[in-house]
Amino acid sequence: MQEVIIFLVFAAALAYLSVRVYRSFFAKKQAGCGKGCGCETDKNMRTMTTAK
């Protein structure tokens, strides 16, 4: 029973890391600084705008 639990935890961790690697290489890149602060660059404007 312990082996099954360890295998499930290992499989979940492997799946999580696989998704993270996939997103870092193949997912569409979003504009902004990537910190989740809400700033983004607008293609129509040449200045950086921030969310208030």
PDB file of N, CA and C in Angstrom:
ATOM      1  N   MET A   1       0.824  -1.193   0.000  1.00  0.00           N
ATOM      2  CA  MET A   1       0.000   0.000   0.000  1.00  0.00           C
ATOM      3  C   MET A   1       0.869   1.259   0.000  1.00  0.00           C
ATOM      4  N   GLN A   2       1.972   1.236   0.740  1.00  0.00           N
ATOM      5  CA  GLN A   2       2.865   2.385   0.793  1.00  0.00           C
ATOM      6  C   GLN A   2       3.499   2.658  -0.571  1.00  0.00           C
ATOM      7  N   GLU A   3       3.810   1.601  -1.298  1.00  0.00           N
ATOM      8  CA  GLU A   3       4.411   1.760  -2.618  1.00  0.00           C
ATOM      9  C   GLU A   3       3.456   2.452  -3.582  1.00  0.00           C
ATOM     10  N   VAL A   4       2.171   2.134  -3.470  1.00  0.00           N
ATOM     11  CA  VAL A   4       1.169   2.764  -4.340  1.00  0.00           C
ATOM     12  C   VAL A   4       1.082   4.255  -4.053  1.00  0.00           C
ATOM     13  N   ILE A   5       1.079   4.633  -2.788  1.00  0.00           N
ATOM     14  CA  ILE A   5       1.011   6.043  -2.408  1.00  0.00           C
ATOM     15  C   ILE A   5       2.253   6.792  -2.895  1.00  0.00           C
ATOM     16  N   ILE A   6       3.418   6.193  -2.718  1.00  0.00           N
ATOM     17  CA  ILE A   6       4.660   6.814  -3.183  1.00  0.00           C
ATOM     18  C   ILE A   6       4.644   6.958  -4.702  1.00  0.00           C
ATOM     19  N   PHE A   7       4.172   5.934  -5.405  1.00  0.00           N
ATOM     20  CA  PHE A   7       4.086   6.011  -6.864  1.00  0.00           C
ATOM     21  C   PHE A   7       3.137   7.117  -7.298  1.00  0.00           C
ATOM     22  N   LEU A   8       1.995   7.265  -6.637  1.00  0.00           N
ATOM     23  CA  LEU A   8       1.040   8.314  -6.999  1.00  0.00           C
ATOM     24  C   LEU A   8       1.610   9.708  -6.755  1.00  0.00           C
ATOM     25  N   VAL A   9       2.321   9.891  -5.656  1.00  0.00           N
ATOM     26  CA  VAL A   9       2.950  11.181  -5.374  1.00  0.00           C
ATOM     27  C   VAL A   9       4.030  11.470  -6.417  1.00  0.00           C
ATOM     28  N   PHE A  10       4.829  10.469  -6.746  1.00  0.00           N
ATOM     29  CA  PHE A  10       5.870  10.637  -7.756  1.00  0.00           C
ATOM     30  C   PHE A  10       5.262  10.948  -9.117  1.00  0.00           C
ATOM     31  N   ALA A  11       4.195  10.260  -9.497  1.00  0.00           N
ATOM     32  CA  ALA A  11       3.538  10.499 -10.781  1.00  0.00           C
ATOM     33  C   ALA A  11       2.939  11.902 -10.846  1.00  0.00           C
ATOM     34  N   ALA A  12       2.350  12.354  -9.739  1.00  0.00           N
ATOM     35  CA  ALA A  12       1.790  13.706  -9.705  1.00  0.00           C
ATOM     36  C   ALA A  12       2.887  14.757  -9.847  1.00  0.00           C
ATOM     37  N   ALA A  13       4.003  14.555  -9.183  1.00  0.00           N
ATOM     38  CA  ALA A  13       5.122  15.495  -9.286  1.00  0.00           C
ATOM     39  C   ALA A  13       5.700  15.502 -10.702  1.00  0.00           C
ATOM     40  N   LEU A  14       5.814  14.351 -11.307  1.00  0.00           N
ATOM     41  CA  LEU A  14       6.316  14.258 -12.672  1.00  0.00           C
ATOM     42  C   LEU A  14       5.370  14.934 -13.653  1.00  0.00           C
ATOM     43  N   ALA A  15       4.079  14.759 -13.467  1.00  0.00           N
ATOM     44  CA  ALA A  15       3.097  15.412 -14.329  1.00  0.00           C
ATOM     45  C   ALA A  15       3.169  16.930 -14.170  1.00  0.00           C
ATOM     46  N   TYR A  16       3.302  17.410 -12.942  1.00  0.00           N
ATOM     47  CA  TYR A  16       3.405  18.845 -12.683  1.00  0.00           C
ATOM     48  C   TYR A  16       4.637  19.428 -13.366  1.00  0.00           C
ATOM     49  N   LEU A  17       5.776  18.771 -13.221  1.00  0.00           N
ATOM     50  CA  LEU A  17       6.995  19.260 -13.848  1.00  0.00           C
ATOM     51  C   LEU A  17       6.910  19.209 -15.363  1.00  0.00           C
ATOM     52  N   SER A  18       6.261  18.186 -15.897  1.00  0.00           N
ATOM     53  CA  SER A  18       6.104  18.079 -17.346  1.00  0.00           C
ATOM     54  C   SER A  18       5.275  19.225 -17.898  1.00  0.00           C
ATOM     55  N   VAL A  19       4.212  19.583 -17.211  1.00  0.00           N
ATOM     56  CA  VAL A  19       3.375  20.708 -17.647  1.00  0.00           C
ATOM     57  C   VAL A  19       4.171  22.005 -17.585  1.00  0.00           C
ATOM     58  N   ARG A  20       4.940  22.196 -16.536  1.00  0.00           N
ATOM     59  CA  ARG A  20       5.740  23.418 -16.403  1.00  0.00           C
ATOM     60  C   ARG A  20       6.774  23.526 -17.520  1.00  0.00           C
ATOM     61  N   VAL A  21       7.440  22.436 -17.845  1.00  0.00           N
ATOM     62  CA  VAL A  21       8.432  22.446 -18.919  1.00  0.00           C
ATOM     63  C   VAL A  21       7.748  22.709 -20.259  1.00  0.00           C
ATOM     64  N   TYR A  22       6.620  22.068 -20.507  1.00  0.00           N
ATOM     65  CA  TYR A  22       5.885  22.280 -21.752  1.00  0.00           C
ATOM     66  C   TYR A  22       5.485  23.742 -21.909  1.00  0.00           C
ATOM     67  N   ARG A  23       4.949  24.326 -20.848  1.00  0.00           N
ATOM     68  CA  ARG A  23       4.515  25.728 -20.915  1.00  0.00           C
ATOM     69  C   ARG A  23       5.690  26.671 -21.117  1.00  0.00           C
ATOM     70  N   SER A  24       6.839  26.362 -20.554  1.00  0.00           N
ATOM     71  CA  SER A  24       7.972  27.267 -20.693  1.00  0.00           C
ATOM     72  C   SER A  24       8.544  27.242 -22.114  1.00  0.00           C
ATOM     73  N   PHE A  25       8.416  26.125 -22.807  1.00  0.00           N
ATOM     74  CA  PHE A  25       8.966  26.036 -24.154  1.00  0.00           C
ATOM     75  C   PHE A  25       7.939  26.238 -25.260  1.00  0.00           C
ATOM     76  N   PHE A  26       6.720  25.759 -25.075  1.00  0.00           N
ATOM     77  CA  PHE A  26       5.778  25.729 -26.180  1.00  0.00           C
ATOM     78  C   PHE A  26       4.549  26.610 -26.014  1.00  0.00           C
ATOM     79  N   ALA A  27       4.284  27.106 -24.840  1.00  0.00           N
ATOM     80  CA  ALA A  27       3.088  27.921 -24.631  1.00  0.00           C
ATOM     81  C   ALA A  27       3.305  29.309 -25.212  1.00  0.00           C
ATOM     82  N   LYS A  28       2.211  29.959 -25.569  1.00  0.00           N
ATOM     83  CA  LYS A  28       2.270  31.299 -26.126  1.00  0.00           C
ATOM     84  C   LYS A  28       2.792  32.264 -25.072  1.00  0.00           C
ATOM     85  N   LYS A  29       3.762  33.057 -25.446  1.00  0.00           N
ATOM     86  CA  LYS A  29       4.348  34.016 -24.525  1.00  0.00           C
ATOM     87  C   LYS A  29       3.406  35.208 -24.381  1.00  0.00           C
ATOM     88  N   GLN A  30       3.242  35.675 -23.151  1.00  0.00           N
ATOM     89  CA  GLN A  30       2.394  36.819 -22.884  1.00  0.00           C
ATOM     90  C   GLN A  30       3.256  38.060 -22.713  1.00  0.00           C
ATOM     91  N   ALA A  31       2.678  39.211 -23.076  1.00  0.00           N
ATOM     92  CA  ALA A  31       3.388  40.471 -22.919  1.00  0.00           C
ATOM     93  C   ALA A  31       3.437  40.853 -21.455  1.00  0.00           C
ATOM     94  N   GLY A  32       4.371  41.685 -21.120  1.00  0.00           N
ATOM     95  CA  GLY A  32       4.495  42.158 -19.749  1.00  0.00           C
ATOM     96  C   GLY A  32       5.752  41.626 -19.109  1.00  0.00           C
ATOM     97  N   CYS A  33       5.860  41.847 -17.832  1.00  0.00           N
ATOM     98  CA  CYS A  33       7.084  41.481 -17.137  1.00  0.00           C
ATOM     99  C   CYS A  33       7.076  40.040 -16.636  1.00  0.00           C
ATOM    100  N   GLY A  34       5.924  39.378 -16.601  1.00  0.00           N
ATOM    101  CA  GLY A  34       5.862  37.993 -16.183  1.00  0.00           C
ATOM    102  C   GLY A  34       5.776  37.781 -14.690  1.00  0.00           C
ATOM    103  N   LYS A  35       5.608  38.847 -13.928  1.00  0.00           N
ATOM    104  CA  LYS A  35       5.535  38.716 -12.481  1.00  0.00           C
ATOM    105  C   LYS A  35       4.098  38.679 -11.981  1.00  0.00           C
ATOM    106  N   GLY A  36       3.127  38.847 -12.871  1.00  0.00           N
ATOM    107  CA  GLY A  36       1.735  38.816 -12.459  1.00  0.00           C
ATOM    108  C   GLY A  36       1.268  40.113 -11.824  1.00  0.00           C
ATOM    109  N   CYS A  37       1.980  41.207 -12.089  1.00  0.00           N
ATOM    110  CA  CYS A  37       1.628  42.477 -11.456  1.00  0.00           C
ATOM    111  C   CYS A  37       0.546  43.220 -12.231  1.00  0.00           C
ATOM    112  N   GLY A  38       0.217  42.776 -13.430  1.00  0.00           N
ATOM    113  CA  GLY A  38      -0.839  43.411 -14.213  1.00  0.00           C
ATOM    114  C   GLY A  38      -0.331  44.339 -15.293  1.00  0.00           C
ATOM    115  N   CYS A  39       0.958  44.586 -15.374  1.00  0.00           N
ATOM    116  CA  CYS A  39       1.463  45.458 -16.436  1.00  0.00           C
ATOM    117  C   CYS A  39       1.477  44.681 -17.746  1.00  0.00           C
ATOM    118  N   GLU A  40       1.233  45.376 -18.803  1.00  0.00           N
ATOM    119  CA  GLU A  40       1.263  44.738 -20.119  1.00  0.00           C
ATOM    120  C   GLU A  40       1.618  45.773 -21.154  1.00  0.00           C
ATOM    121  N   THR A  41       2.170  45.320 -22.251  1.00  0.00           N
ATOM    122  CA  THR A  41       2.490  46.238 -23.330  1.00  0.00           C
ATOM    123  C   THR A  41       1.412  46.120 -24.386  1.00  0.00           C
ATOM    124  N   ASP A  42       1.005  47.242 -24.902  1.00  0.00           N
ATOM    125  CA  ASP A  42      -0.020  47.294 -25.935  1.00  0.00           C
ATOM    126  C   ASP A  42       0.670  47.474 -27.275  1.00  0.00           C
ATOM    127  N   LYS A  43       0.337  46.664 -28.258  1.00  0.00           N
ATOM    128  CA  LYS A  43       0.978  46.741 -29.567  1.00  0.00           C
ATOM    129  C   LYS A  43       0.637  48.033 -30.287  1.00  0.00           C
ATOM    130  N   ASN A  44      -0.535  48.603 -30.000  1.00  0.00           N
ATOM    131  CA  ASN A  44      -0.932  49.853 -30.654  1.00  0.00           C
ATOM    132  C   ASN A  44      -0.253  51.064 -30.015  1.00  0.00           C
ATOM    133  N   MET A  45       0.115  50.961 -28.775  1.00  0.00           N
ATOM    134  CA  MET A  45       0.784  52.064 -28.073  1.00  0.00           C
ATOM    135  C   MET A  45       2.243  51.711 -27.880  1.00  0.00           C
ATOM    136  N   ARG A  46       3.080  52.688 -27.839  1.00  0.00           N
ATOM    137  CA  ARG A  46       4.514  52.433 -27.671  1.00  0.00           C
ATOM    138  C   ARG A  46       4.953  52.611 -26.227  1.00  0.00           C
ATOM    139  N   THR A  47       4.022  52.857 -25.330  1.00  0.00           N
ATOM    140  CA  THR A  47       4.359  53.018 -23.925  1.00  0.00           C
ATOM    141  C   THR A  47       3.840  51.833 -23.144  1.00  0.00           C
ATOM    142  N   MET A  48       4.380  51.626 -21.995  1.00  0.00           N
ATOM    143  CA  MET A  48       3.928  50.529 -21.134  1.00  0.00           C
ATOM    144  C   MET A  48       2.788  51.038 -20.263  1.00  0.00           C
ATOM    145  N   THR A  49       1.736  50.258 -20.184  1.00  0.00           N
ATOM    146  CA  THR A  49       0.596  50.640 -19.353  1.00  0.00           C
ATOM    147  C   THR A  49       0.539  49.706 -18.148  1.00  0.00           C
ATOM    148  N   THR A  50       0.051  50.224 -17.032  1.00  0.00           N
ATOM    149  CA  THR A  50      -0.114  49.395 -15.842  1.00  0.00           C
ATOM    150  C   THR A  50      -1.541  49.415 -15.402  1.00  0.00           C
ATOM    151  N   ALA A  51      -1.991  48.308 -14.851  1.00  0.00           N
ATOM    152  CA  ALA A  51      -3.361  48.208 -14.348  1.00  0.00           C
ATOM    153  C   ALA A  51      -3.450  48.934 -13.012  1.00  0.00           C
ATOM    154  N   LYS A  52      -4.562  49.613 -12.815  1.00  0.00           N
ATOM    155  CA  LYS A  52      -4.755  50.348 -11.546  1.00  0.00           C
ATOM    156  C   LYS A  52      -5.798  49.707 -10.705  1.00  0.00           C
TER     157      LYS A  52
END
